[in-house]
């Protein structure tokens, strides 16, 4: 083989490796985006639950005492 053929083979090998690596990185990026979307949804749900709990506590603190049942010791 000539020196030019060796260089071409080397360049083709490097290109194939880079294409493979690029495909792996693309797959990893897609996985990370899906995981990020899942985590964002979880945080949004947790914040919604926290807001509901706070609203429930706030309404319980300002609610009408007459509408509350008597404590069990009465």
C-alpha atoms as a PDB file:
ATOM      1  CA  UNK A   1       0.000   0.000   0.000  1.00  0.00           C
ATOM      2  CA  UNK A   2       1.108   3.499  -0.706  1.00  0.00           C
ATOM      3  CA  UNK A   3       1.324   6.252   1.835  1.00  0.00           C
ATOM      4  CA  UNK A   4      -1.746   7.926   0.331  1.00  0.00           C
ATOM      5  CA  UNK A   5      -3.790   4.742   0.716  1.00  0.00           C
ATOM      6  CA  UNK A   6      -2.694   4.439   4.355  1.00  0.00           C
ATOM      7  CA  UNK A   7      -3.756   8.025   5.014  1.00  0.00           C
ATOM      8  CA  UNK A   8      -7.141   7.454   3.351  1.00  0.00           C
ATOM      9  CA  UNK A   9      -7.735   4.316   5.440  1.00  0.00           C
ATOM     10  CA  UNK A  10      -6.744   6.201   8.587  1.00  0.00           C
ATOM     11  CA  UNK A  11      -9.091   9.088   7.734  1.00  0.00           C
ATOM     12  CA  UNK A  12     -11.952   6.692   6.958  1.00  0.00           C
ATOM     13  CA  UNK A  13     -11.378   4.917  10.269  1.00  0.00           C
ATOM     14  CA  UNK A  14     -11.393   8.195  12.167  1.00  0.00           C
ATOM     15  CA  UNK A  15     -14.534   9.341  10.355  1.00  0.00           C
ATOM     16  CA  UNK A  16     -16.347   6.088  11.180  1.00  0.00           C
ATOM     17  CA  UNK A  17     -15.352   6.440  14.841  1.00  0.00           C
ATOM     18  CA  UNK A  18     -16.529  10.060  14.937  1.00  0.00           C
ATOM     19  CA  UNK A  19     -19.851   9.159  13.302  1.00  0.00           C
ATOM     20  CA  UNK A  20     -20.369   6.385  15.855  1.00  0.00           C
ATOM     21  CA  UNK A  21     -19.499   8.720  18.733  1.00  0.00           C
ATOM     22  CA  UNK A  22     -21.819  11.400  17.388  1.00  0.00           C
ATOM     23  CA  UNK A  23     -24.687   8.902  17.199  1.00  0.00           C
ATOM     24  CA  UNK A  24     -24.045   7.825  20.803  1.00  0.00           C
ATOM     25  CA  UNK A  25     -23.989  11.442  21.950  1.00  0.00           C
ATOM     26  CA  UNK A  26     -27.249  12.115  20.125  1.00  0.00           C
ATOM     27  CA  UNK A  27     -28.874   9.149  21.873  1.00  0.00           C
ATOM     28  CA  UNK A  28     -27.552  10.281  25.249  1.00  0.00           C
ATOM     29  CA  UNK A  29     -28.871  13.802  24.636  1.00  0.00           C
ATOM     30  CA  UNK A  30     -32.319  12.451  23.742  1.00  0.00           C
ATOM     31  CA  UNK A  31     -32.331  10.356  26.936  1.00  0.00           C
ATOM     32  CA  UNK A  32     -31.340  13.368  29.029  1.00  0.00           C
ATOM     33  CA  UNK A  33     -34.055  15.508  27.477  1.00  0.00           C
ATOM     34  CA  UNK A  34     -36.679  12.877  28.290  1.00  0.00           C
ATOM     35  CA  UNK A  35     -35.388  12.579  31.856  1.00  0.00           C
ATOM     36  CA  UNK A  36     -35.391  16.363  32.213  1.00  0.00           C
ATOM     37  CA  UNK A  37     -38.994  16.573  31.007  1.00  0.00           C
ATOM     38  CA  UNK A  38     -39.974  13.866  33.512  1.00  0.00           C
ATOM     39  CA  UNK A  39     -38.237  15.694  36.360  1.00  0.00           C
ATOM     40  CA  UNK A  40     -39.809  19.028  35.406  1.00  0.00           C
ATOM     41  CA  UNK A  41     -43.228  17.372  35.504  1.00  0.00           C
ATOM     42  CA  UNK A  42     -42.472  15.886  38.936  1.00  0.00           C
ATOM     43  CA  UNK A  43     -41.410  19.266  40.307  1.00  0.00           C
ATOM     44  CA  UNK A  44     -44.518  20.932  38.864  1.00  0.00           C
ATOM     45  CA  UNK A  45     -46.739  18.306  40.499  1.00  0.00           C
ATOM     46  CA  UNK A  46     -44.921  18.690  43.825  1.00  0.00           C
ATOM     47  CA  UNK A  47     -45.353  22.471  43.675  1.00  0.00           C
ATOM     48  CA  UNK A  48     -49.049  22.082  42.880  1.00  0.00           C
ATOM     49  CA  UNK A  49     -49.478  19.752  45.860  1.00  0.00           C
ATOM     50  CA  UNK A  50     -47.595  22.179  48.086  1.00  0.00           C
ATOM     51  CA  UNK A  51     -49.809  25.047  46.952  1.00  0.00           C
ATOM     52  CA  UNK A  52     -52.909  22.956  47.662  1.00  0.00           C
ATOM     53  CA  UNK A  53     -51.616  22.059  51.118  1.00  0.00           C
ATOM     54  CA  UNK A  54     -50.837  25.685  51.887  1.00  0.00           C
ATOM     55  CA  UNK A  55     -54.264  26.771  50.668  1.00  0.00           C
ATOM     56  CA  UNK A  56     -55.868  24.080  52.802  1.00  0.00           C
ATOM     57  CA  UNK A  57     -53.899  25.148  55.858  1.00  0.00           C
ATOM     58  CA  UNK A  58     -54.672  28.809  55.268  1.00  0.00           C
ATOM     59  CA  UNK A  59     -58.394  28.127  54.888  1.00  0.00           C
ATOM     60  CA  UNK A  60     -58.293  25.917  57.982  1.00  0.00           C
ATOM     61  CA  UNK A  61     -56.742  28.707  60.027  1.00  0.00           C
ATOM     62  CA  UNK A  62     -59.302  31.246  58.898  1.00  0.00           C
ATOM     63  CA  UNK A  63     -62.279  28.866  58.768  1.00  0.00           C
ATOM     64  CA  UNK A  64     -65.393  29.147  60.885  1.00  0.00           C
ATOM     65  CA  UNK A  65     -64.892  27.409  64.248  1.00  0.00           C
ATOM     66  CA  UNK A  66     -68.628  26.641  64.479  1.00  0.00           C
ATOM     67  CA  UNK A  67     -68.390  24.415  61.405  1.00  0.00           C
ATOM     68  CA  UNK A  68     -65.701  22.301  63.067  1.00  0.00           C
ATOM     69  CA  UNK A  69     -66.825  19.162  64.922  1.00  0.00           C
ATOM     70  CA  UNK A  70     -66.156  19.165  68.665  1.00  0.00           C
ATOM     71  CA  UNK A  71     -62.950  17.568  69.893  1.00  0.00           C
ATOM     72  CA  UNK A  72     -63.255  13.875  70.827  1.00  0.00           C
ATOM     73  CA  UNK A  73     -63.035  14.504  74.587  1.00  0.00           C
ATOM     74  CA  UNK A  74     -66.434  16.316  74.674  1.00  0.00           C
END
